[in-house]
Structures are given as C-alpha cells and as structure tokens.
Amino acid sequence: MLRTLFVSLLAAPLLALPGLAAAATGVQNVNALRAVVEQFLLTQTAGLPGEVSVKVGAVDARTALASCPAPEAFLQPGARAWGKTTVGVRCTAPSNWTIYVQAQVNVKADYVAAAVPLAQGQPVEQGQLMLVKGDIAAMPNGIITDMAQAIGRTPTVSLAAGTPLRLDTLRSKPVVQQNQAVRLVLTGNGFSVSSEGRAIGTAGEGQVVQVRTASGTVVSGTAKAGGLVEVAF
C-alpha cells in the first residue's frame, strides 16, 4: 500500500507538465502545435528583407486530438506566409487529423516609394525615389524593396508622391523598339539559326515581341538585350 502511494506521488508532478500529461493520456498538446506553426512561418519568411515577427493565435484548449509524434504545418494553395494568414497542421500517423491556426506575420523593412509625382511612360530616375520603412507584409504582392528594380522602368499610370512602387505598375526598360532591326536566333533540338528581321512592337527584357523577317513572315520570340530576339522550336 505504501509502495503504491509513493509511486503515485512521484508520478503526479510529472503528469502536471502539459507535454507529459498529454503524452500519457494519448492527447495532443495543442500548445506544441503553436510552436510548429511559428517555426514553419519563420522558415517560410527567411528570405524576406527586414525584420520578421510572428504571432500565432491561440488554439482552443478543449480541442481533443490524438497525440502526434510529427505534426506537419502547411499553407493552403494561394495563401501567403505573411500578413494575416492561416496555417494548417496535420497528422498522418498514427492518427489522421487536420486543424487550422491563425497567425499574424509582420515584416518591417524598407520599401521604395515615389519621392515626387511620376508621369506615365516616363523612365524613373534614382532622384525620384525614396526608401520608406514599414510593414511590407501588409502591402500587395510585388512591392519593390530595391531601387535598382525601379530605375529605368516606366510607370503604367501616373503615380502621386509617396506611392509605394510595385513591379506590376512599372514596365521594364525596352530592349527592342518598334521598327528596330533585330537579330533573330532560331533554336531547336540540336540546331541554331540566325537571321535578320524587324520588330513590329516594343518589348522589355524577357517579353514576347513579334518580328517580320526579310521574306515577310511574322514570328514571335523573346526579347533580349542588344536587339536580340530568340525563337524556340
């Protein structure tokens, strides 16, 4: 009787620890899942500029899940790992379950904004830009954080001073101009042929442009620096 009482008293403090108590009862420690979500989001945002902070929402303590040795965090298709987001956590063995946890990820960094009004179609110069510090996680995708990404590009619409710059609002500097004589490079499986042509439109690096050949045939290719257009077969 005394031996049984001694063992019970010895085990009681250990079972008072949340993780050990959960393991002993076969129930998942939901606070451990919050740590899984936090580590997942820190990994996903490791390549972002600036200072990243993650705040994981609470998981209802009444949530009853079977204990899982290796819970896996994931994002739903199209979801972002920053800003206000939702992260899924699933278990595939020995039990199968999935829950979703809300989180807030802030990324404090410098971003590029217009220092003066920018006119539509006019190339952007460095003196027209400024760096502003803010939470880029709260901004749309494509926010520019490096001035080099904006210099030489042209706004697709006029922008007021102070407007944060995004890649989708700036056109890249043209490398092929309309009516310019270009060199066509036709490549295929085991061959490469060069010829001359004339560009029908204007295109930036990597954009598709149509070219009229000397014979009058119109082909489409990828614009490259130096008046080069690559056509793949």
Protein backbone atom coordinates (compact mmCIF):
# COMPACT_ATOMS: atom_id res chain seq x y z
CA MET A 1 0.00 0.00 0.00
CA LEU A 2 2.78 2.43 0.96
CA ARG A 3 4.76 1.49 -2.17
CA THR A 4 1.75 2.21 -4.39
CA LEU A 5 1.18 5.57 -2.70
CA PHE A 6 4.86 6.52 -3.12
CA VAL A 7 4.82 5.76 -6.87
CA SER A 8 1.61 7.75 -7.32
CA LEU A 9 3.06 10.78 -5.56
CA LEU A 10 6.26 10.56 -7.62
CA ALA A 11 4.34 10.47 -10.92
CA ALA A 12 1.92 13.27 -10.07
CA PRO A 13 4.39 16.20 -10.57
CA LEU A 14 5.50 14.76 -13.90
CA LEU A 15 1.97 14.41 -15.21
CA ALA A 16 1.34 18.01 -14.19
CA LEU A 17 3.63 19.07 -17.07
CA PRO A 18 1.38 19.69 -20.15
CA GLY A 19 3.50 17.78 -22.65
CA LEU A 20 3.97 14.72 -20.45
CA ALA A 21 0.36 14.72 -19.35
CA ALA A 22 -0.78 14.83 -22.97
CA ALA A 23 1.58 12.02 -23.93
CA ALA A 24 0.44 9.92 -21.01
CA THR A 25 -3.21 10.30 -21.93
CA GLY A 26 -2.66 9.98 -25.71
CA VAL A 27 -3.97 13.52 -26.32
CA GLN A 28 -2.03 16.04 -28.42
CA ASN A 29 -0.60 19.05 -26.60
CA VAL A 30 -2.18 21.90 -28.59
CA ASN A 31 0.36 24.46 -27.34
CA ALA A 32 3.08 22.40 -29.05
CA LEU A 33 1.20 22.89 -32.33
CA ARG A 34 1.53 26.67 -31.96
CA ALA A 35 5.30 26.22 -31.82
CA VAL A 36 5.15 24.13 -35.01
CA VAL A 37 3.23 26.92 -36.75
CA GLU A 38 5.66 29.60 -35.55
CA GLN A 39 8.73 27.69 -36.75
CA PHE A 40 7.06 26.99 -40.11
CA LEU A 41 6.29 30.66 -40.71
CA LEU A 42 9.81 31.74 -39.70
CA THR A 43 11.22 29.27 -42.22
CA GLN A 44 8.84 30.41 -44.97
CA THR A 45 9.77 34.08 -44.48
CA ALA A 46 13.51 33.57 -44.02
CA GLY A 47 14.28 35.07 -47.46
CA LEU A 48 12.28 38.26 -46.96
CA PRO A 49 14.12 41.54 -46.32
CA GLY A 50 13.82 43.27 -42.98
CA GLU A 51 12.79 42.13 -39.52
CA VAL A 52 10.19 39.36 -39.28
CA SER A 53 7.94 38.86 -36.28
CA VAL A 54 5.39 36.06 -35.87
CA LYS A 55 2.40 35.97 -33.54
CA VAL A 56 0.47 32.70 -33.51
CA GLY A 57 -3.14 32.70 -32.40
CA ALA A 58 -4.44 30.56 -29.57
CA VAL A 59 -5.73 27.05 -30.10
CA ASP A 60 -8.84 26.14 -28.13
CA ALA A 61 -7.60 24.12 -25.15
CA ARG A 62 -10.74 22.00 -25.43
CA THR A 63 -9.60 20.72 -28.84
CA ALA A 64 -9.14 16.96 -28.43
CA LEU A 65 -6.65 15.48 -30.90
CA ALA A 66 -4.82 12.19 -30.78
CA SER A 67 -1.14 12.57 -29.90
CA CYS A 68 1.06 13.00 -32.99
CA PRO A 69 4.85 12.49 -32.98
CA ALA A 70 5.47 14.59 -36.12
CA PRO A 71 2.76 17.18 -36.89
CA GLU A 72 3.29 18.90 -40.24
CA ALA A 73 2.43 22.56 -40.98
CA PHE A 74 1.30 23.67 -44.44
CA LEU A 75 -0.29 26.56 -46.33
CA GLN A 76 -3.39 26.24 -48.43
CA PRO A 77 -2.96 26.92 -52.18
CA GLY A 78 -2.70 30.66 -52.84
CA ALA A 79 -2.17 31.57 -49.18
CA ARG A 80 0.69 33.85 -48.14
CA ALA A 81 3.11 33.16 -45.29
CA TRP A 82 2.97 36.79 -44.18
CA GLY A 83 0.35 39.30 -43.09
CA LYS A 84 -2.80 37.83 -41.56
CA THR A 85 -2.72 34.18 -42.53
CA THR A 86 -3.99 30.74 -41.64
CA VAL A 87 -1.68 27.73 -41.32
CA GLY A 88 -2.86 24.14 -41.43
CA VAL A 89 -1.34 21.49 -39.19
CA ARG A 90 -1.94 17.83 -39.98
CA CYS A 91 -1.07 14.43 -38.66
CA THR A 92 -0.95 11.34 -40.86
CA ALA A 93 0.20 8.71 -38.34
CA PRO A 94 -0.70 7.08 -36.08
CA SER A 95 -3.92 9.12 -36.35
CA ASN A 96 -5.20 11.29 -39.17
CA TRP A 97 -6.35 14.81 -38.33
CA THR A 98 -6.03 18.43 -39.53
CA ILE A 99 -6.58 21.73 -37.76
CA TYR A 100 -6.12 25.36 -38.85
CA VAL A 101 -4.36 28.02 -36.78
CA GLN A 102 -4.48 31.77 -37.38
CA ALA A 103 -1.32 33.84 -37.25
CA GLN A 104 -0.06 37.36 -37.91
CA VAL A 105 3.32 37.86 -39.59
CA ASN A 106 4.81 41.34 -39.77
CA VAL A 107 7.84 42.22 -41.88
CA LYS A 108 9.38 45.59 -41.03
CA ALA A 109 11.61 46.64 -43.92
CA ASP A 110 12.49 49.48 -46.30
CA TYR A 111 10.41 49.73 -49.46
CA VAL A 112 10.66 52.04 -52.47
CA ALA A 113 8.20 54.90 -52.92
CA ALA A 114 7.88 57.84 -55.28
CA ALA A 115 9.62 60.92 -53.83
CA VAL A 116 7.93 63.12 -56.44
CA PRO A 117 4.98 62.60 -58.80
CA LEU A 118 5.89 60.08 -61.52
CA ALA A 119 4.47 60.60 -65.01
CA GLN A 120 3.06 57.70 -67.00
CA GLY A 121 5.51 56.43 -69.61
CA GLN A 122 8.50 58.42 -68.32
CA PRO A 123 11.58 56.43 -67.21
CA VAL A 124 12.12 56.51 -63.45
CA GLU A 125 15.35 58.08 -62.15
CA GLN A 126 17.03 57.42 -58.81
CA GLY A 127 16.47 61.01 -57.64
CA GLN A 128 12.72 60.48 -57.97
CA LEU A 129 12.72 57.64 -55.45
CA MET A 130 12.96 57.31 -51.69
CA LEU A 131 13.10 54.50 -49.14
CA VAL A 132 10.35 54.25 -46.54
CA LYS A 133 10.26 51.85 -43.59
CA GLY A 134 7.03 49.98 -42.97
CA ASP A 135 5.30 46.63 -42.73
CA ILE A 136 5.65 45.20 -46.24
CA ALA A 137 3.60 42.16 -45.20
CA ALA A 138 0.55 44.41 -45.11
CA MET A 139 1.15 45.57 -48.69
CA PRO A 140 0.17 43.95 -52.02
CA ASN A 141 2.42 41.39 -53.68
CA GLY A 142 5.27 42.74 -55.78
CA ILE A 143 6.26 45.66 -53.54
CA ILE A 144 9.71 46.92 -54.56
CA THR A 145 12.41 46.92 -51.86
CA ASP A 146 15.44 47.66 -54.06
CA MET A 147 15.73 50.92 -56.04
CA ALA A 148 17.56 49.08 -58.82
CA GLN A 149 14.30 47.25 -59.57
CA ALA A 150 12.60 50.57 -60.39
CA ILE A 151 15.29 52.71 -62.03
CA GLY A 152 14.86 52.88 -65.81
CA ARG A 153 11.35 51.39 -65.76
CA THR A 154 8.31 53.40 -66.79
CA PRO A 155 5.05 53.71 -64.79
CA THR A 156 1.97 52.25 -66.46
CA VAL A 157 -0.08 55.04 -64.80
CA SER A 158 0.83 58.39 -63.26
CA LEU A 159 1.77 57.97 -59.59
CA ALA A 160 1.48 60.54 -56.79
CA ALA A 161 4.40 61.34 -54.49
CA GLY A 162 4.59 58.88 -51.61
CA THR A 163 3.05 55.99 -53.59
CA PRO A 164 4.73 52.64 -52.83
CA LEU A 165 6.07 51.15 -56.07
CA ARG A 166 5.10 47.67 -57.25
CA LEU A 167 6.58 45.64 -60.07
CA ASP A 168 3.21 45.31 -61.78
CA THR A 169 2.86 49.12 -62.06
CA LEU A 170 6.20 49.58 -63.85
CA ARG A 171 7.23 48.44 -67.31
CA SER A 172 10.76 47.24 -67.82
CA LYS A 173 13.10 49.33 -69.95
CA PRO A 174 12.63 48.37 -73.64
CA VAL A 175 15.45 46.35 -75.16
CA VAL A 176 13.69 46.16 -78.52
CA GLN A 177 11.95 49.17 -80.10
CA GLN A 178 9.19 49.15 -82.70
CA ASN A 179 10.57 49.05 -86.27
CA GLN A 180 14.08 48.29 -84.97
CA ALA A 181 16.30 45.94 -86.97
CA VAL A 182 16.88 42.88 -84.80
CA ARG A 183 18.82 39.65 -84.99
CA LEU A 184 16.65 36.54 -84.85
CA VAL A 185 18.09 33.41 -83.28
CA LEU A 186 16.01 30.31 -84.01
CA THR A 187 16.86 27.36 -81.77
CA GLY A 188 15.58 23.80 -81.67
CA ASN A 189 16.65 20.27 -80.88
CA GLY A 190 20.28 20.23 -81.95
CA PHE A 191 20.28 23.32 -84.20
CA SER A 192 20.55 27.12 -84.07
CA VAL A 193 20.00 29.51 -87.00
CA SER A 194 20.43 33.29 -87.11
CA SER A 195 18.69 35.72 -89.44
CA GLU A 196 17.63 39.34 -89.63
CA GLY A 197 14.22 40.88 -89.06
CA ARG A 198 12.39 44.00 -87.99
CA ALA A 199 10.47 44.34 -84.72
CA ILE A 200 6.75 45.00 -85.07
CA GLY A 201 6.38 46.15 -81.45
CA THR A 202 8.33 47.31 -78.39
CA ALA A 203 9.34 44.89 -75.63
CA GLY A 204 11.37 44.74 -72.45
CA GLU A 205 13.81 42.04 -71.41
CA GLY A 206 12.05 38.65 -71.42
CA GLN A 207 8.85 39.91 -73.04
CA VAL A 208 7.36 38.44 -76.21
CA VAL A 209 7.67 40.52 -79.37
CA GLN A 210 6.67 39.91 -82.99
CA VAL A 211 9.26 40.21 -85.74
CA ARG A 212 8.82 40.39 -89.51
CA THR A 213 11.52 38.51 -91.41
CA ALA A 214 13.04 39.54 -94.76
CA SER A 215 10.65 37.15 -96.51
CA GLY A 216 7.64 38.81 -94.86
CA THR A 217 6.92 36.02 -92.38
CA VAL A 218 5.88 37.15 -88.88
CA VAL A 219 7.31 35.19 -85.93
CA SER A 220 7.11 35.66 -82.16
CA GLY A 221 10.13 35.48 -79.90
CA THR A 222 11.59 36.57 -76.59
CA ALA A 223 13.28 39.98 -76.48
CA LYS A 224 16.85 40.07 -75.20
CA ALA A 225 19.34 42.85 -74.63
CA GLY A 226 21.30 44.06 -77.63
CA GLY A 227 18.46 43.84 -80.16
CA LEU A 228 18.27 40.06 -79.98
CA VAL A 229 15.08 38.03 -80.32
CA GLU A 230 15.12 34.32 -79.50
CA VAL A 231 12.62 31.97 -81.18
CA ALA A 232 12.38 28.43 -79.86
CA PHE A 233 11.08 25.50 -81.94
